[in-house]
């Protein structure tokens, strides 16, 4: 639409389904690249991404014509399909239901992108549960423990 200008930065976080840490270093980059393609195909911009063994962080410049829920659904569905079709793991791969989505201002983008890329070092200090609850608490997001991810620590 003419005369429409937006700046929408979203961090999306979601977790692997199952009792193992399934995203292996041997194919992590391949999955990240595939997810970036899905984001680009939705007219949005992948800024930073890191697939941990049990969860994913993605920073996106979101196009205003796509909803956050549609973007999360498309990334999760297409990457699950790719992992399964290429038999990157034994058995069926799935993501857990749900996701976290958090907005940031332009001035925060560099630090959030670096935070995402620094996941291996960060997780030497905190596990995924501690990290995720810390994000929710720092952003003053009220939550119900019954509806959080399943934790595999």
Protein backbone atom coordinates (compact mmCIF):
# COMPACT_ATOMS: atom_id res chain seq x y z
CA UNK A 1 0.00 0.00 0.00
CA UNK A 2 1.35 3.41 -0.90
CA UNK A 3 2.55 5.66 1.91
CA UNK A 4 2.91 2.76 4.34
CA UNK A 5 6.15 2.60 6.31
CA UNK A 6 6.87 0.11 9.03
CA UNK A 7 9.62 -1.02 11.34
CA UNK A 8 8.61 -4.28 13.00
CA UNK A 9 11.35 -6.29 14.71
CA UNK A 10 10.29 -9.56 16.31
CA UNK A 11 12.26 -12.26 18.12
CA UNK A 12 10.52 -15.63 17.82
CA UNK A 13 11.47 -18.52 20.10
CA UNK A 14 10.16 -22.07 19.88
CA UNK A 15 11.23 -25.48 21.16
CA UNK A 16 11.82 -29.02 19.92
CA UNK A 17 9.21 -31.68 20.73
CA UNK A 18 10.52 -34.84 22.35
CA UNK A 19 12.83 -35.89 25.10
CA UNK A 20 16.11 -35.29 23.29
CA UNK A 21 18.09 -32.34 22.07
CA UNK A 22 17.55 -33.12 18.40
CA UNK A 23 19.11 -30.26 16.42
CA UNK A 24 22.65 -31.51 15.84
CA UNK A 25 25.59 -29.29 14.98
CA UNK A 26 26.13 -31.38 11.83
CA UNK A 27 22.92 -30.02 10.26
CA UNK A 28 22.19 -26.89 12.31
CA UNK A 29 23.37 -24.52 9.56
CA UNK A 30 21.25 -26.28 6.97
CA UNK A 31 18.12 -25.88 9.10
CA UNK A 32 18.90 -22.22 9.81
CA UNK A 33 19.39 -21.51 6.10
CA UNK A 34 16.09 -23.21 5.30
CA UNK A 35 14.28 -21.17 7.95
CA UNK A 36 15.79 -17.98 6.53
CA UNK A 37 14.41 -18.95 3.12
CA UNK A 38 10.94 -19.36 4.62
CA UNK A 39 11.20 -15.93 6.24
CA UNK A 40 12.36 -14.34 2.97
CA UNK A 41 9.57 -16.10 1.05
CA UNK A 42 7.16 -14.33 3.41
CA UNK A 43 8.56 -10.93 2.33
CA UNK A 44 10.32 -10.52 5.66
CA UNK A 45 13.98 -10.17 6.59
CA UNK A 46 15.91 -12.70 8.67
CA UNK A 47 18.33 -10.72 10.83
CA UNK A 48 19.76 -13.28 13.24
CA UNK A 49 19.10 -16.98 13.88
CA UNK A 50 20.48 -19.75 16.05
CA UNK A 51 19.18 -23.30 16.32
CA UNK A 52 20.14 -24.71 19.70
CA UNK A 53 19.80 -28.47 20.17
CA UNK A 54 16.41 -28.00 21.91
CA UNK A 55 15.14 -24.55 20.85
CA UNK A 56 15.47 -21.78 18.26
CA UNK A 57 15.86 -17.99 18.43
CA UNK A 58 15.10 -15.96 15.32
CA UNK A 59 15.17 -12.17 14.93
CA UNK A 60 13.04 -11.01 12.02
CA UNK A 61 12.20 -7.76 10.31
CA UNK A 62 8.53 -8.63 9.83
CA UNK A 63 6.57 -7.47 6.78
CA UNK A 64 3.32 -5.79 7.89
CA UNK A 65 1.17 -8.05 5.67
CA UNK A 66 2.08 -11.21 7.59
CA UNK A 67 0.99 -11.97 11.12
CA UNK A 68 3.44 -13.20 13.72
CA UNK A 69 1.40 -16.38 14.16
CA UNK A 70 1.47 -17.09 10.41
CA UNK A 71 5.24 -16.51 10.33
CA UNK A 72 5.87 -18.83 13.29
CA UNK A 73 3.57 -21.48 11.80
CA UNK A 74 5.28 -21.31 8.40
CA UNK A 75 8.81 -21.51 9.85
CA UNK A 76 7.93 -24.44 12.10
CA UNK A 77 5.93 -26.36 9.47
CA UNK A 78 8.41 -25.96 6.63
CA UNK A 79 11.47 -26.74 8.77
CA UNK A 80 9.82 -29.83 10.31
CA UNK A 81 8.97 -31.04 6.83
CA UNK A 82 12.53 -30.42 5.61
CA UNK A 83 14.09 -32.23 8.58
CA UNK A 84 11.76 -35.20 8.13
CA UNK A 85 12.05 -35.44 4.33
CA UNK A 86 15.83 -35.36 4.57
CA UNK A 87 15.84 -37.80 7.50
CA UNK A 88 18.15 -35.58 9.53
CA UNK A 89 17.09 -37.41 12.70
CA UNK A 90 15.87 -40.92 13.47
CA UNK A 91 12.10 -40.95 13.82
CA UNK A 92 9.68 -38.09 13.29
CA UNK A 93 10.75 -34.53 14.09
CA UNK A 94 8.29 -31.96 15.47
CA UNK A 95 8.35 -28.60 17.19
CA UNK A 96 6.42 -28.10 20.41
CA UNK A 97 3.12 -26.28 20.19
CA UNK A 98 3.34 -22.53 20.66
CA UNK A 99 6.10 -19.94 20.53
CA UNK A 100 7.29 -16.76 22.19
CA UNK A 101 7.32 -13.54 20.19
CA UNK A 102 8.87 -10.35 21.49
CA UNK A 103 9.17 -6.92 19.90
CA UNK A 104 12.24 -4.70 19.91
CA UNK A 105 13.09 -1.18 18.84
CA UNK A 106 15.70 -0.39 16.19
CA UNK A 107 18.16 0.67 18.91
CA UNK A 108 17.97 -2.83 20.44
CA UNK A 109 18.47 -4.83 17.23
CA UNK A 110 22.26 -5.06 17.36
CA UNK A 111 22.33 -6.33 20.95
CA UNK A 112 19.47 -8.82 20.36
CA UNK A 113 21.16 -10.13 17.19
CA UNK A 114 24.44 -10.59 19.07
CA UNK A 115 22.60 -12.28 21.94
CA UNK A 116 21.07 -14.77 19.49
CA UNK A 117 24.36 -15.51 17.74
CA UNK A 118 26.06 -15.98 21.13
CA UNK A 119 23.70 -18.77 22.22
CA UNK A 120 26.37 -21.46 22.82
CA UNK A 121 28.22 -19.22 25.28
CA UNK A 122 25.00 -18.02 26.86
CA UNK A 123 23.84 -21.58 27.51
CA UNK A 124 27.01 -22.38 29.43
CA UNK A 125 25.49 -20.08 32.09
CA UNK A 126 21.74 -20.73 31.80
CA UNK A 127 19.59 -23.55 30.48
CA UNK A 128 16.67 -22.90 28.13
CA UNK A 129 14.09 -22.77 30.93
CA UNK A 130 16.08 -20.18 32.90
CA UNK A 131 16.66 -18.16 29.74
CA UNK A 132 13.03 -18.20 28.59
CA UNK A 133 11.57 -17.41 32.01
CA UNK A 134 14.14 -14.63 32.33
CA UNK A 135 12.94 -13.10 29.05
CA UNK A 136 9.30 -13.33 30.11
CA UNK A 137 10.06 -11.79 33.49
CA UNK A 138 12.30 -9.02 32.12
CA UNK A 139 9.51 -8.01 29.73
CA UNK A 140 6.92 -8.24 32.52
CA UNK A 141 4.92 -10.87 30.63
CA UNK A 142 2.45 -12.74 32.81
CA UNK A 143 2.33 -16.47 32.13
CA UNK A 144 0.77 -19.67 33.40
CA UNK A 145 3.25 -22.50 34.10
CA UNK A 146 0.79 -25.00 32.64
CA UNK A 147 1.18 -23.45 29.19
CA UNK A 148 4.94 -23.12 28.95
CA UNK A 149 7.24 -25.34 26.91
CA UNK A 150 8.21 -28.80 28.11
CA UNK A 151 11.73 -28.51 29.50
CA UNK A 152 14.48 -31.09 28.85
CA UNK A 153 17.35 -30.19 31.13
